[in-house]
Amino acid sequence: MKALLILKCEGHQMDGFVFCSGTRNIILDLEKISTTPNYVNYIKYLDNVSKLFAGPCVKMNIISNTMFKTHEIGYIDEKMYKYFSYYWEAHKRCSPILEIVLKESV
Protein backbone atom coordinates (compact mmCIF):
# COMPACT_ATOMS: atom_id res chain seq x y z
CA MET A 1 0.00 0.00 0.00
CA LYS A 2 1.48 3.32 -1.04
CA ALA A 3 0.55 5.20 2.10
CA LEU A 4 2.11 6.71 5.19
CA LEU A 5 1.12 6.57 8.83
CA ILE A 6 1.33 10.18 10.03
CA LEU A 7 1.22 11.67 13.53
CA LYS A 8 0.45 15.36 13.57
CA CYS A 9 -1.19 18.19 15.46
CA GLU A 10 -2.91 21.32 14.26
CA GLY A 11 -1.17 23.47 16.84
CA HIS A 12 -2.21 25.13 20.07
CA GLN A 13 -2.63 28.73 21.08
CA MET A 14 -4.33 30.63 23.85
CA ASP A 15 -5.29 34.29 23.74
CA GLY A 16 -3.03 34.79 20.75
CA PHE A 17 -0.03 33.17 22.44
CA VAL A 18 1.24 30.34 20.24
CA PHE A 19 2.44 27.24 22.07
CA CYS A 20 2.73 25.17 18.90
CA SER A 21 2.12 26.12 15.29
CA GLY A 22 1.50 22.51 14.21
CA THR A 23 3.59 19.45 13.48
CA ARG A 24 3.62 16.55 11.03
CA ASN A 25 5.71 13.40 11.45
CA ILE A 26 5.91 10.33 9.26
CA ILE A 27 5.78 7.35 11.59
CA LEU A 28 5.72 4.50 9.09
CA ASP A 29 5.80 3.94 5.34
CA LEU A 30 3.23 1.17 4.85
CA GLU A 31 4.69 0.27 1.46
CA LYS A 32 8.04 -0.64 3.06
CA ILE A 33 6.45 -3.24 5.36
CA SER A 34 4.18 -4.86 2.76
CA THR A 35 6.28 -8.03 2.52
CA THR A 36 6.55 -8.66 6.27
CA PRO A 37 4.73 -11.54 7.98
CA ASN A 38 2.59 -9.26 10.20
CA TYR A 39 1.55 -6.87 7.43
CA VAL A 40 -1.98 -8.19 6.80
CA ASN A 41 -2.81 -8.38 10.51
CA TYR A 42 -1.42 -4.89 11.06
CA ILE A 43 -3.48 -3.43 8.22
CA LYS A 44 -6.57 -5.16 9.65
CA TYR A 45 -5.74 -3.60 13.02
CA LEU A 46 -5.46 -0.13 11.46
CA ASP A 47 -8.77 -0.70 9.67
CA ASN A 48 -10.87 -2.48 12.31
CA VAL A 49 -9.52 -1.15 15.61
CA SER A 50 -8.01 2.24 14.82
CA LYS A 51 -10.47 2.90 11.95
CA LEU A 52 -7.76 4.90 10.16
CA PHE A 53 -9.00 4.00 6.69
CA ALA A 54 -12.27 5.76 7.55
CA GLY A 55 -10.43 8.97 8.40
CA PRO A 56 -8.05 10.60 10.90
CA CYS A 57 -8.19 9.54 14.54
CA VAL A 58 -8.16 12.09 17.37
CA LYS A 59 -9.02 9.72 20.23
CA MET A 60 -5.97 9.78 22.46
CA ASN A 61 -6.32 6.23 23.78
CA ILE A 62 -6.63 4.81 20.25
CA ILE A 63 -3.60 6.78 19.06
CA SER A 64 -1.57 5.58 22.03
CA ASN A 65 -2.67 1.96 21.58
CA THR A 66 -1.92 2.07 17.85
CA MET A 67 1.56 3.40 18.47
CA PHE A 68 2.14 0.70 21.09
CA LYS A 69 0.92 -1.99 18.66
CA THR A 70 3.19 -0.59 15.93
CA HIS A 71 6.14 -0.81 18.32
CA GLU A 72 5.14 -4.22 19.69
CA ILE A 73 5.03 -5.74 16.20
CA GLY A 74 8.45 -4.24 15.47
CA TYR A 75 7.49 -1.72 12.80
CA ILE A 76 8.98 1.12 14.84
CA ASP A 77 12.07 0.74 16.99
CA GLU A 78 12.62 1.72 20.60
CA LYS A 79 14.05 5.11 19.59
CA MET A 80 10.95 6.03 17.54
CA TYR A 81 8.65 4.85 20.32
CA LYS A 82 10.58 7.04 22.77
CA TYR A 83 10.17 9.99 20.38
CA PHE A 84 6.44 9.26 20.35
CA SER A 85 6.40 9.41 24.16
CA TYR A 86 8.19 12.77 24.12
CA TYR A 87 5.85 14.03 21.40
CA TRP A 88 2.83 12.88 23.36
CA GLU A 89 3.87 14.86 26.43
CA ALA A 90 4.67 17.98 24.42
CA HIS A 91 1.57 17.96 22.18
CA LYS A 92 -1.30 16.40 24.13
CA ARG A 93 -2.87 19.85 24.49
CA CYS A 94 -2.69 20.27 20.69
CA SER A 95 -4.95 17.25 20.20
CA PRO A 96 -2.66 14.84 18.31
CA ILE A 97 -4.04 13.29 15.13
CA LEU A 98 -3.08 9.94 13.65
CA GLU A 99 -3.90 9.38 10.01
CA ILE A 100 -3.07 7.41 6.90
CA VAL A 101 -2.19 9.51 3.88
CA LEU A 102 -1.68 8.21 0.35
CA LYS A 103 1.81 8.92 -0.92
CA GLU A 104 0.40 10.75 -3.98
CA SER A 105 -1.22 13.23 -1.56
CA VAL A 106 2.04 14.06 0.19
C-alpha atoms as a PDB file:
ATOM      1  CA  MET A   1       0.000   0.000   0.000  1.00  0.00           C
ATOM      2  CA  LYS A   2       1.475   3.316  -1.044  1.00  0.00           C
ATOM      3  CA  ALA A   3       0.552   5.196   2.100  1.00  0.00           C
ATOM      4  CA  LEU A   4       2.110   6.713   5.192  1.00  0.00           C
ATOM      5  CA  LEU A   5       1.117   6.574   8.834  1.00  0.00           C
ATOM      6  CA  ILE A   6       1.326  10.183  10.029  1.00  0.00           C
ATOM      7  CA  LEU A   7       1.218  11.675  13.529  1.00  0.00           C
ATOM      8  CA  LYS A   8       0.450  15.363  13.571  1.00  0.00           C
ATOM      9  CA  CYS A   9      -1.192  18.191  15.460  1.00  0.00           C
ATOM     10  CA  GLU A  10      -2.913  21.319  14.258  1.00  0.00           C
ATOM     11  CA  GLY A  11      -1.167  23.469  16.841  1.00  0.00           C
ATOM     12  CA  HIS A  12      -2.213  25.134  20.074  1.00  0.00           C
ATOM     13  CA  GLN A  13      -2.626  28.732  21.082  1.00  0.00           C
ATOM     14  CA  MET A  14      -4.332  30.627  23.852  1.00  0.00           C
ATOM     15  CA  ASP A  15      -5.292  34.287  23.744  1.00  0.00           C
ATOM     16  CA  GLY A  16      -3.025  34.791  20.752  1.00  0.00           C
ATOM     17  CA  PHE A  17      -0.028  33.168  22.444  1.00  0.00           C
ATOM     18  CA  VAL A  18       1.240  30.340  20.239  1.00  0.00           C
ATOM     19  CA  PHE A  19       2.439  27.236  22.072  1.00  0.00           C
ATOM     20  CA  CYS A  20       2.730  25.166  18.904  1.00  0.00           C
ATOM     21  CA  SER A  21       2.120  26.118  15.292  1.00  0.00           C
ATOM     22  CA  GLY A  22       1.498  22.514  14.213  1.00  0.00           C
ATOM     23  CA  THR A  23       3.592  19.450  13.479  1.00  0.00           C
ATOM     24  CA  ARG A  24       3.623  16.551  11.031  1.00  0.00           C
ATOM     25  CA  ASN A  25       5.714  13.403  11.453  1.00  0.00           C
ATOM     26  CA  ILE A  26       5.912  10.327   9.259  1.00  0.00           C
ATOM     27  CA  ILE A  27       5.783   7.347  11.586  1.00  0.00           C
ATOM     28  CA  LEU A  28       5.724   4.498   9.094  1.00  0.00           C
ATOM     29  CA  ASP A  29       5.798   3.940   5.337  1.00  0.00           C
ATOM     30  CA  LEU A  30       3.229   1.167   4.850  1.00  0.00           C
ATOM     31  CA  GLU A  31       4.695   0.268   1.465  1.00  0.00           C
ATOM     32  CA  LYS A  32       8.037  -0.636   3.055  1.00  0.00           C
ATOM     33  CA  ILE A  33       6.450  -3.239   5.361  1.00  0.00           C
ATOM     34  CA  SER A  34       4.184  -4.861   2.765  1.00  0.00           C
ATOM     35  CA  THR A  35       6.282  -8.033   2.520  1.00  0.00           C
ATOM     36  CA  THR A  36       6.551  -8.655   6.273  1.00  0.00           C
ATOM     37  CA  PRO A  37       4.727 -11.538   7.976  1.00  0.00           C
ATOM     38  CA  ASN A  38       2.589  -9.258  10.200  1.00  0.00           C
ATOM     39  CA  TYR A  39       1.550  -6.870   7.429  1.00  0.00           C
ATOM     40  CA  VAL A  40      -1.977  -8.187   6.795  1.00  0.00           C
ATOM     41  CA  ASN A  41      -2.807  -8.376  10.507  1.00  0.00           C
ATOM     42  CA  TYR A  42      -1.416  -4.888  11.057  1.00  0.00           C
ATOM     43  CA  ILE A  43      -3.479  -3.425   8.218  1.00  0.00           C
ATOM     44  CA  LYS A  44      -6.566  -5.162   9.649  1.00  0.00           C
ATOM     45  CA  TYR A  45      -5.743  -3.596  13.018  1.00  0.00           C
ATOM     46  CA  LEU A  46      -5.464  -0.131  11.458  1.00  0.00           C
ATOM     47  CA  ASP A  47      -8.772  -0.704   9.672  1.00  0.00           C
ATOM     48  CA  ASN A  48     -10.872  -2.478  12.313  1.00  0.00           C
ATOM     49  CA  VAL A  49      -9.518  -1.153  15.609  1.00  0.00           C
ATOM     50  CA  SER A  50      -8.011   2.237  14.818  1.00  0.00           C
ATOM     51  CA  LYS A  51     -10.468   2.899  11.948  1.00  0.00           C
ATOM     52  CA  LEU A  52      -7.755   4.904  10.160  1.00  0.00           C
ATOM     53  CA  PHE A  53      -9.003   3.998   6.693  1.00  0.00           C
ATOM     54  CA  ALA A  54     -12.274   5.761   7.546  1.00  0.00           C
ATOM     55  CA  GLY A  55     -10.428   8.970   8.403  1.00  0.00           C
ATOM     56  CA  PRO A  56      -8.054  10.596  10.897  1.00  0.00           C
ATOM     57  CA  CYS A  57      -8.188   9.544  14.544  1.00  0.00           C
ATOM     58  CA  VAL A  58      -8.162  12.086  17.369  1.00  0.00           C
ATOM     59  CA  LYS A  59      -9.017   9.723  20.232  1.00  0.00           C
ATOM     60  CA  MET A  60      -5.974   9.785  22.462  1.00  0.00           C
ATOM     61  CA  ASN A  61      -6.322   6.228  23.778  1.00  0.00           C
ATOM     62  CA  ILE A  62      -6.632   4.807  20.250  1.00  0.00           C
ATOM     63  CA  ILE A  63      -3.597   6.783  19.058  1.00  0.00           C
ATOM     64  CA  SER A  64      -1.569   5.580  22.032  1.00  0.00           C
ATOM     65  CA  ASN A  65      -2.670   1.959  21.576  1.00  0.00           C
ATOM     66  CA  THR A  66      -1.919   2.074  17.850  1.00  0.00           C
ATOM     67  CA  MET A  67       1.557   3.402  18.468  1.00  0.00           C
ATOM     68  CA  PHE A  68       2.138   0.698  21.091  1.00  0.00           C
ATOM     69  CA  LYS A  69       0.925  -1.992  18.663  1.00  0.00           C
ATOM     70  CA  THR A  70       3.191  -0.588  15.925  1.00  0.00           C
ATOM     71  CA  HIS A  71       6.143  -0.811  18.315  1.00  0.00           C
ATOM     72  CA  GLU A  72       5.136  -4.218  19.693  1.00  0.00           C
ATOM     73  CA  ILE A  73       5.031  -5.740  16.196  1.00  0.00           C
ATOM     74  CA  GLY A  74       8.451  -4.238  15.468  1.00  0.00           C
ATOM     75  CA  TYR A  75       7.492  -1.716  12.802  1.00  0.00           C
ATOM     76  CA  ILE A  76       8.983   1.124  14.837  1.00  0.00           C
ATOM     77  CA  ASP A  77      12.068   0.743  16.992  1.00  0.00           C
ATOM     78  CA  GLU A  78      12.622   1.724  20.605  1.00  0.00           C
ATOM     79  CA  LYS A  79      14.046   5.109  19.586  1.00  0.00           C
ATOM     80  CA  MET A  80      10.946   6.035  17.539  1.00  0.00           C
ATOM     81  CA  TYR A  81       8.647   4.847  20.320  1.00  0.00           C
ATOM     82  CA  LYS A  82      10.584   7.038  22.769  1.00  0.00           C
ATOM     83  CA  TYR A  83      10.174   9.986  20.376  1.00  0.00           C
ATOM     84  CA  PHE A  84       6.442   9.263  20.346  1.00  0.00           C
ATOM     85  CA  SER A  85       6.403   9.409  24.159  1.00  0.00           C
ATOM     86  CA  TYR A  86       8.186  12.773  24.117  1.00  0.00           C
ATOM     87  CA  TYR A  87       5.852  14.028  21.396  1.00  0.00           C
ATOM     88  CA  TRP A  88       2.830  12.876  23.364  1.00  0.00           C
ATOM     89  CA  GLU A  89       3.871  14.859  26.435  1.00  0.00           C
ATOM     90  CA  ALA A  90       4.669  17.980  24.419  1.00  0.00           C
ATOM     91  CA  HIS A  91       1.574  17.965  22.185  1.00  0.00           C
ATOM     92  CA  LYS A  92      -1.295  16.405  24.135  1.00  0.00           C
ATOM     93  CA  ARG A  93      -2.873  19.854  24.488  1.00  0.00           C
ATOM     94  CA  CYS A  94      -2.690  20.268  20.693  1.00  0.00           C
ATOM     95  CA  SER A  95      -4.946  17.249  20.200  1.00  0.00           C
ATOM     96  CA  PRO A  96      -2.663  14.842  18.309  1.00  0.00           C
ATOM     97  CA  ILE A  97      -4.039  13.294  15.125  1.00  0.00           C
ATOM     98  CA  LEU A  98      -3.080   9.937  13.648  1.00  0.00           C
ATOM     99  CA  GLU A  99      -3.896   9.383  10.006  1.00  0.00           C
ATOM    100  CA  ILE A 100      -3.068   7.412   6.897  1.00  0.00           C
ATOM    101  CA  VAL A 101      -2.194   9.508   3.885  1.00  0.00           C
ATOM    102  CA  LEU A 102      -1.685   8.208   0.354  1.00  0.00           C
ATOM    103  CA  LYS A 103       1.805   8.922  -0.923  1.00  0.00           C
ATOM    104  CA  GLU A 104       0.398  10.745  -3.977  1.00  0.00           C
ATOM    105  CA  SER A 105      -1.220  13.229  -1.561  1.00  0.00           C
ATOM    106  CA  VAL A 106       2.043  14.058   0.192  1.00  0.00           C
END
